[in-house]
Amino acid sequence: MAGPSIDAGIERAINLWTHDKWEVVQDAPDLPHISYSSTCSGRESTCTVRMRITDPFSFSIRNVISRPEFVCEHPECGQSLSYKLVELLAPGQAIVNMGFERNELKHAVTMLVGGIYQQVRLCKRRDYPRPGVTVVILQALDDGGNGVMMYLEELVLLSYNIICEATTPESCTSWHILEIPWPTYPAWATQFLNEVGNMDRRLPSAPLDECIRLAEKFYIVLCLQCCSRGPPLIPYACPEDGTEECFSTELRFVKVGGFAWAPAQDRGFNFPLYLQGVLEILGFEADIWDSLDGRRLVPYQACIRGDVWEAVSEKFAQVFQCQRSAYRFLHGGKSAPKVRVATDPHFLDVWETPERKIRPTQHVLEERNTFLNLADPV
């Protein structure tokens, strides 16, 4: 069972969320609101369950505190789901082994032969289909990475999606949308769904203020500024003759701070790849991303783990200051590119829901004869 693509699954979740043919199962103030809708297509009959849950977090906090890779590293900040990271695809997008806590015991989300946890791909789309809405699709996987059905205890699921919607500046609503291969709503599922819904409203075991602080600093967004005379210079291995200014048939570069700095081409310049390449030259391996929570950042911003940036920022600042001096020498003027921590991310109207690990797009950096060059993608 290959299952639908991630994009198709997200569109289907939105369509199910917004249609109006629902039969109310439960509508009580202290319990999740549960409704269902039955459909028949050919020989297949399915029942879609929609649970509405008042979220204990604001929309902005929910977006950062529910990232699967964050919960993997800080399980004390999770509410009910237990994640074990298998592969990080992009910020907010991951393949995990997933379980949940019930009655102080860990139970499997699905019952696979020889395993306790179900392998699940979690993909998020932030501000989709409109600002103030985040869609998360959970796709169960087999050993070959194909989509399979998910089991929530007795419930067999064709799909499980969560949509979070901002309702006020201080609160939001979570909608759990479950597709069941059953002709109508199974009444025996209500008790279990109540438990799942109540777990989603549970506060973390750690102090909430500390969880929010950790979540908000888990990723930071860097911003490239002041490129009025072109993008920042590229660092090369220094010329062996030690001259301060050197020329070749292809490049004009200047030696500053142990590197030879040369202009980059405007066409195809990619800040996340540039940042990753400079850090590699400095001996740091770091994942740099051009998206956050499934939405593409503007070209002059890049996403990096907060703890990684804390470890590399001092050395990077020293080297990049040399770049600024070389830039002014080659291009003239007083202005030169600088990198700072952005107050807020800025996004393009481009969403990505990866099924494999993604890297910044457009051009790739490659090393040839100790020179770092911009090259076309392979």
Protein backbone atom coordinates (compact mmCIF):
# COMPACT_ATOMS: atom_id res chain seq x y z
CA MET A 1 0.00 0.00 0.00
CA ALA A 2 1.92 3.02 -1.22
CA GLY A 3 -0.75 5.41 0.02
CA PRO A 4 -1.44 8.92 -1.27
CA SER A 5 1.32 11.49 -1.54
CA ILE A 6 1.88 13.87 1.36
CA ASP A 7 0.51 16.76 -0.71
CA ALA A 8 -2.63 14.81 -1.62
CA GLY A 9 -3.09 13.77 2.01
CA ILE A 10 -2.93 17.38 3.19
CA GLU A 11 -5.46 18.53 0.61
CA ARG A 12 -7.78 15.69 1.59
CA ALA A 13 -7.47 16.59 5.28
CA ILE A 14 -8.44 20.19 4.51
CA ASN A 15 -11.42 19.09 2.44
CA LEU A 16 -12.62 16.81 5.23
CA TRP A 17 -12.12 19.53 7.82
CA THR A 18 -14.16 22.11 5.93
CA HIS A 19 -17.09 20.07 4.66
CA ASP A 20 -20.39 20.47 6.54
CA LYS A 21 -22.00 17.02 6.60
CA TRP A 22 -21.27 16.00 10.18
CA GLU A 23 -23.32 14.04 12.70
CA VAL A 24 -22.61 14.98 16.32
CA VAL A 25 -21.56 12.11 18.60
CA GLN A 26 -20.57 14.10 21.67
CA ASP A 27 -20.81 17.75 22.60
CA ALA A 28 -19.96 18.20 26.27
CA PRO A 29 -18.07 21.14 27.84
CA ASP A 30 -15.47 18.96 29.60
CA LEU A 31 -14.90 16.49 26.77
CA PRO A 32 -13.59 16.74 23.20
CA HIS A 33 -16.30 17.50 20.67
CA ILE A 34 -16.69 14.42 18.44
CA SER A 35 -18.58 14.27 15.16
CA TYR A 36 -18.50 11.91 12.19
CA SER A 37 -19.36 11.67 8.52
CA SER A 38 -19.82 8.47 6.52
CA THR A 39 -19.07 8.14 2.82
CA CYS A 40 -19.34 5.33 0.30
CA SER A 41 -17.19 5.15 -2.82
CA GLY A 42 -17.83 2.05 -4.89
CA ARG A 43 -17.31 -0.98 -2.69
CA GLU A 44 -15.53 0.97 0.07
CA SER A 45 -17.37 2.58 2.96
CA THR A 46 -15.45 4.85 5.33
CA CYS A 47 -16.23 6.91 8.37
CA THR A 48 -14.41 10.15 9.09
CA VAL A 49 -14.22 11.27 12.71
CA ARG A 50 -13.51 14.86 13.63
CA MET A 51 -12.50 15.78 17.20
CA ARG A 52 -12.41 19.42 18.23
CA ILE A 53 -10.17 20.17 21.21
CA THR A 54 -9.55 23.46 22.96
CA ASP A 55 -5.78 23.77 22.98
CA PRO A 56 -3.89 24.82 26.15
CA PHE A 57 -1.42 26.84 24.03
CA SER A 58 -1.59 29.83 21.75
CA PHE A 59 -1.20 29.20 18.04
CA SER A 60 2.39 30.49 17.93
CA ILE A 61 3.45 28.40 20.93
CA ARG A 62 1.72 25.29 19.57
CA ASN A 63 3.71 25.63 16.34
CA VAL A 64 7.07 25.50 18.10
CA ILE A 65 6.37 23.17 21.02
CA SER A 66 4.87 20.38 18.87
CA ARG A 67 7.78 19.93 16.45
CA PRO A 68 8.62 16.22 16.54
CA GLU A 69 12.40 16.72 16.69
CA PHE A 70 11.93 19.04 19.68
CA VAL A 71 9.78 16.50 21.55
CA CYS A 72 12.39 13.81 20.79
CA GLU A 73 15.07 15.82 22.58
CA HIS A 74 12.79 17.17 25.30
CA PRO A 75 10.25 14.46 26.12
CA GLU A 76 9.43 16.29 29.35
CA CYS A 77 7.87 19.00 27.15
CA GLY A 78 5.61 16.56 25.31
CA GLN A 79 1.97 16.12 26.23
CA SER A 80 0.97 12.59 25.28
CA LEU A 81 2.93 11.47 22.25
CA SER A 82 6.31 9.82 22.67
CA TYR A 83 8.73 10.24 19.76
CA LYS A 84 12.01 8.56 18.87
CA LEU A 85 13.68 10.36 15.99
CA VAL A 86 14.52 8.23 12.96
CA GLU A 87 15.38 10.98 10.47
CA LEU A 88 14.99 14.74 10.40
CA LEU A 89 13.68 15.77 6.97
CA ALA A 90 13.53 19.53 7.58
CA PRO A 91 12.55 21.77 10.52
CA GLY A 92 9.17 20.54 11.73
CA GLN A 93 9.27 17.54 9.38
CA ALA A 94 10.55 14.16 10.53
CA ILE A 95 10.27 10.40 10.45
CA VAL A 96 9.81 9.12 14.00
CA ASN A 97 8.91 6.01 15.93
CA MET A 98 5.75 7.17 17.68
CA GLY A 99 3.84 5.96 20.70
CA PHE A 100 1.63 7.58 23.30
CA GLU A 101 1.20 7.48 27.05
CA ARG A 102 -1.98 6.10 28.56
CA ASN A 103 -2.62 5.36 32.23
CA GLU A 104 1.08 5.96 32.92
CA LEU A 105 2.02 3.15 30.53
CA LYS A 106 3.40 3.46 27.03
CA HIS A 107 1.21 1.84 24.41
CA ALA A 108 1.85 1.44 20.74
CA VAL A 109 0.08 3.68 18.30
CA THR A 110 0.09 0.64 16.04
CA MET A 111 0.78 -3.00 16.72
CA LEU A 112 3.53 -4.10 14.37
CA VAL A 113 5.10 -7.54 14.61
CA GLY A 114 8.23 -7.31 16.74
CA GLY A 115 7.85 -3.60 17.57
CA ILE A 116 6.25 -1.32 20.14
CA TYR A 117 6.36 1.96 18.25
CA GLN A 118 4.94 2.72 14.80
CA GLN A 119 7.21 4.45 12.32
CA VAL A 120 5.43 7.60 11.20
CA ARG A 121 6.24 10.43 8.84
CA LEU A 122 5.08 13.77 10.28
CA CYS A 123 4.88 16.66 7.85
CA LYS A 124 3.67 20.14 8.71
CA ARG A 125 2.38 23.02 6.61
CA ARG A 126 2.44 26.32 8.41
CA ASP A 127 -0.08 29.07 7.52
CA TYR A 128 -1.84 26.76 5.08
CA PRO A 129 -4.37 27.03 3.49
CA ARG A 130 -4.46 30.48 5.10
CA PRO A 131 -2.59 32.37 7.84
CA GLY A 132 -3.42 31.12 11.32
CA VAL A 133 -3.84 27.48 10.27
CA THR A 134 -1.27 24.69 10.48
CA VAL A 135 -1.87 21.24 8.98
CA VAL A 136 0.02 18.18 10.22
CA ILE A 137 -0.26 14.87 8.41
CA LEU A 138 0.78 11.64 10.14
CA GLN A 139 1.56 8.84 7.70
CA ALA A 140 2.37 5.37 9.06
CA LEU A 141 5.20 3.63 7.20
CA ASP A 142 6.32 0.06 6.68
CA ASP A 143 9.97 -1.02 6.58
CA GLY A 144 10.17 0.00 2.93
CA GLY A 145 8.91 3.52 3.57
CA ASN A 146 5.49 2.86 2.04
CA GLY A 147 2.30 4.14 3.58
CA VAL A 148 0.35 1.63 5.68
CA MET A 149 -2.70 1.75 7.92
CA MET A 150 -2.31 3.05 11.46
CA TYR A 151 -3.76 1.44 14.56
CA LEU A 152 -4.86 3.41 17.62
CA GLU A 153 -5.45 0.51 19.96
CA GLU A 154 -8.68 -1.01 18.54
CA LEU A 155 -9.08 1.65 15.85
CA VAL A 156 -7.71 0.97 12.38
CA LEU A 157 -7.03 4.25 10.56
CA LEU A 158 -6.65 5.03 6.89
CA SER A 159 -5.31 8.46 7.80
CA TYR A 160 -4.72 10.63 10.85
CA ASN A 161 -4.29 14.38 10.54
CA ILE A 162 -4.26 17.31 12.93
CA ILE A 163 -5.26 20.85 12.00
CA CYS A 164 -4.50 23.69 14.40
CA GLU A 165 -6.40 26.94 14.03
CA ALA A 166 -5.80 30.22 15.84
CA THR A 167 -9.01 31.33 17.56
CA THR A 168 -7.77 34.22 19.73
CA PRO A 169 -4.29 35.67 20.34
CA GLU A 170 -4.10 33.54 23.50
CA SER A 171 -5.71 30.29 22.35
CA CYS A 172 -6.21 27.93 19.44
CA THR A 173 -8.29 24.92 18.51
CA SER A 174 -6.93 21.54 17.42
CA TRP A 175 -8.96 19.35 15.07
CA HIS A 176 -8.09 15.65 14.93
CA ILE A 177 -9.36 14.12 11.68
CA LEU A 178 -9.34 10.32 11.50
CA GLU A 179 -10.47 8.20 8.55
CA ILE A 180 -11.75 4.75 9.58
CA PRO A 181 -12.51 1.84 7.18
CA TRP A 182 -15.89 1.34 8.85
CA PRO A 183 -19.36 1.93 7.36
CA THR A 184 -20.50 4.13 10.24
CA TYR A 185 -19.23 5.53 13.51
CA PRO A 186 -18.15 2.77 15.97
CA ALA A 187 -19.77 3.79 19.26
CA TRP A 188 -17.30 1.71 21.24
CA ALA A 189 -14.54 4.11 20.12
CA THR A 190 -15.89 7.10 22.04
CA GLN A 191 -14.25 6.31 25.36
CA PHE A 192 -10.88 5.79 23.76
CA LEU A 193 -11.16 8.96 21.66
CA ASN A 194 -11.97 10.90 24.82
CA GLU A 195 -8.73 9.66 26.34
CA VAL A 196 -6.76 10.65 23.24
CA GLY A 197 -8.38 14.08 23.22
CA ASN A 198 -7.77 14.65 26.91
CA MET A 199 -4.13 13.68 26.53
CA ASP A 200 -3.79 16.30 23.79
CA ARG A 201 -4.99 18.91 26.30
CA ARG A 202 -2.55 17.76 28.96
CA LEU A 203 0.18 20.21 29.96
CA PRO A 204 3.82 19.06 29.84
CA SER A 205 5.35 17.52 32.94
CA ALA A 206 8.11 20.15 32.93
CA PRO A 207 7.37 23.79 33.87
CA LEU A 208 5.51 25.36 30.97
CA ASP A 209 7.65 28.52 30.87
CA GLU A 210 10.79 26.42 30.54
CA CYS A 211 9.27 24.29 27.76
CA ILE A 212 8.29 27.40 25.81
CA ARG A 213 11.77 28.91 26.26
CA LEU A 214 13.45 25.75 24.98
CA ALA A 215 11.02 25.43 22.05
CA GLU A 216 11.38 29.03 20.92
CA LYS A 217 15.20 28.77 20.92
CA PHE A 218 15.34 25.34 19.30
CA TYR A 219 15.69 26.98 15.87
CA ILE A 220 16.79 30.48 14.99
CA VAL A 221 16.53 32.29 11.68
CA LEU A 222 19.53 34.20 10.34
CA CYS A 223 19.19 37.16 8.02
CA LEU A 224 21.66 38.43 5.39
CA GLN A 225 21.67 42.21 5.01
CA CYS A 226 23.48 45.10 3.30
CA CYS A 227 24.27 43.48 -0.06
CA SER A 228 23.93 46.68 -2.12
CA ARG A 229 27.02 45.84 -4.23
CA GLY A 230 26.34 42.15 -4.63
CA PRO A 231 26.29 39.04 -2.42
CA PRO A 232 28.98 38.35 0.19
CA LEU A 233 32.40 37.19 -0.95
CA ILE A 234 33.34 33.52 -1.12
CA PRO A 235 36.36 32.30 0.92
CA TYR A 236 39.10 30.49 -0.98
CA ALA A 237 42.35 28.88 0.08
CA CYS A 238 45.01 31.59 0.38
CA PRO A 239 47.50 32.07 -2.44
CA GLU A 240 50.81 30.48 -1.50
CA ASP A 241 52.87 33.55 -2.44
CA GLY A 242 51.28 35.55 0.37
CA THR A 243 50.34 38.56 -1.76
CA GLU A 244 47.64 40.77 -0.37
CA GLU A 245 45.82 41.26 -3.68
CA CYS A 246 45.82 38.67 -6.44
CA PHE A 247 44.38 38.35 -9.92
CA SER A 248 43.62 35.41 -12.19
CA THR A 249 41.89 35.04 -15.53
CA GLU A 250 38.65 34.11 -13.78
CA LEU A 251 38.73 35.73 -10.37
CA ARG A 252 39.77 38.90 -8.61
CA PHE A 253 40.30 38.31 -4.93
CA VAL A 254 41.90 39.84 -1.85
CA LYS A 255 43.62 38.12 1.07
CA VAL A 256 42.21 39.01 4.48
CA GLY A 257 42.30 37.00 7.72
CA GLY A 258 43.86 33.86 6.29
CA PHE A 259 41.46 33.52 3.34
CA ALA A 260 41.34 34.83 -0.20
CA TRP A 261 37.93 36.41 -0.73
CA ALA A 262 36.40 36.59 -4.20
CA PRO A 263 33.07 37.86 -5.52
CA ALA A 264 30.17 35.46 -5.94
CA GLN A 265 27.84 35.56 -8.90
CA ASP A 266 24.53 37.30 -8.29
CA ARG A 267 22.66 34.72 -10.35
CA GLY A 268 21.72 31.72 -8.27
CA PHE A 269 23.30 32.91 -5.02
CA ASN A 270 21.85 30.91 -2.15
CA PHE A 271 22.35 32.20 1.39
CA PRO A 272 21.64 28.90 3.24
CA LEU A 273 24.16 27.07 1.05
CA TYR A 274 26.67 29.90 1.39
CA LEU A 275 26.35 29.77 5.17
CA GLN A 276 26.72 26.00 5.22
CA GLY A 277 29.78 26.18 2.97
CA VAL A 278 31.54 28.81 5.11
CA LEU A 279 30.89 26.77 8.28
CA GLU A 280 32.32 23.67 6.59
CA ILE A 281 35.50 25.61 5.72
CA LEU A 282 35.74 26.55 9.41
CA GLY A 283 35.47 22.87 10.38
CA PHE A 284 31.83 22.84 11.49
CA GLU A 285 29.23 20.42 10.16
CA ALA A 286 25.80 21.99 10.45
CA ASP A 287 22.43 21.55 8.80
CA ILE A 288 21.28 24.83 7.31
CA TRP A 289 17.72 24.99 6.03
CA ASP A 290 15.78 27.24 3.68
CA SER A 291 12.39 26.32 5.16
CA LEU A 292 10.65 26.25 8.53
CA ASP A 293 7.58 24.19 9.43
CA GLY A 294 7.02 23.31 5.78
CA ARG A 295 7.14 26.87 4.41
CA ARG A 296 10.01 28.27 2.33
CA LEU A 297 11.94 31.19 3.80
CA VAL A 298 12.78 34.25 1.72
CA PRO A 299 16.17 33.91 -0.07
CA TYR A 300 18.05 36.15 2.36
CA GLN A 301 17.11 34.08 5.45
CA ALA A 302 18.29 30.69 6.67
CA CYS A 303 17.30 28.40 9.54
CA ILE A 304 19.78 26.73 11.92
CA ARG A 305 19.57 24.93 15.26
CA GLY A 306 19.89 27.41 18.11
CA ASP A 307 22.49 25.37 20.00
CA VAL A 308 24.55 24.91 16.83
CA TRP A 309 24.57 28.64 16.16
CA GLU A 310 25.62 29.30 19.73
CA ALA A 311 28.61 27.01 19.21
CA VAL A 312 29.75 28.47 15.87
CA SER A 313 28.62 32.10 15.96
CA GLU A 314 31.75 33.56 17.56
CA LYS A 315 34.15 31.98 15.05
CA PHE A 316 31.81 32.79 12.17
CA ALA A 317 31.58 36.44 13.26
CA GLN A 318 35.37 36.74 13.28
CA VAL A 319 35.74 35.31 9.79
CA PHE A 320 32.76 37.20 8.37
CA GLN A 321 34.21 40.47 9.66
CA CYS A 322 37.23 39.72 7.44
CA GLN A 323 34.81 39.20 4.56
CA ARG A 324 33.33 42.64 5.24
CA SER A 325 36.78 44.25 5.05
CA ALA A 326 37.58 42.44 1.80
CA TYR A 327 34.17 43.35 0.37
CA ARG A 328 34.73 47.06 0.99
CA PHE A 329 38.23 46.80 -0.51
CA LEU A 330 36.98 45.16 -3.72
CA HIS A 331 33.71 47.04 -4.17
CA GLY A 332 34.39 50.35 -2.45
CA GLY A 333 31.99 52.20 -0.18
CA LYS A 334 31.34 51.80 3.53
CA SER A 335 28.57 49.20 3.42
CA ALA A 336 29.21 45.44 3.45
CA PRO A 337 27.07 42.33 3.95
CA LYS A 338 26.32 41.33 7.52
CA VAL A 339 24.48 38.44 9.17
CA ARG A 340 22.23 38.87 12.17
CA VAL A 341 19.63 36.85 14.06
CA ALA A 342 16.23 37.72 12.58
CA THR A 343 13.44 38.93 14.85
CA ASP A 344 10.86 37.02 12.79
CA PRO A 345 11.01 34.63 9.85
CA HIS A 346 9.73 35.89 6.52
CA PHE A 347 8.22 33.44 4.09
CA LEU A 348 7.49 32.92 0.44
CA ASP A 349 4.15 31.52 -0.66
CA VAL A 350 5.86 28.18 -1.22
CA TRP A 351 5.17 25.12 0.91
CA GLU A 352 7.21 21.92 1.05
CA THR A 353 6.15 18.66 2.65
CA PRO A 354 9.18 16.44 2.10
CA GLU A 355 9.12 12.67 1.84
CA ARG A 356 12.91 12.59 2.07
CA LYS A 357 15.59 14.82 3.54
CA ILE A 358 15.79 18.12 1.69
CA ARG A 359 18.53 20.66 1.35
CA PRO A 360 18.52 24.30 0.20
CA THR A 361 17.68 24.53 -3.48
CA GLN A 362 18.96 26.29 -6.63
CA HIS A 363 22.74 25.85 -6.55
CA VAL A 364 25.12 23.59 -4.67
CA LEU A 365 28.57 24.29 -3.27
CA GLU A 366 31.42 22.08 -4.31
CA GLU A 367 35.14 22.05 -3.61
CA ARG A 368 37.66 21.90 -6.45
CA ASN A 369 41.43 22.12 -5.95
CA THR A 370 40.92 23.72 -2.51
CA PHE A 371 38.67 26.37 -4.08
CA LEU A 372 35.03 26.69 -3.07
CA ASN A 373 32.98 27.32 -6.19
CA LEU A 374 29.35 27.81 -7.08
CA ALA A 375 28.27 25.10 -9.48
CA ASP A 376 25.10 24.04 -11.21
CA PRO A 377 23.04 21.33 -9.50
CA VAL A 378 23.75 17.72 -10.37
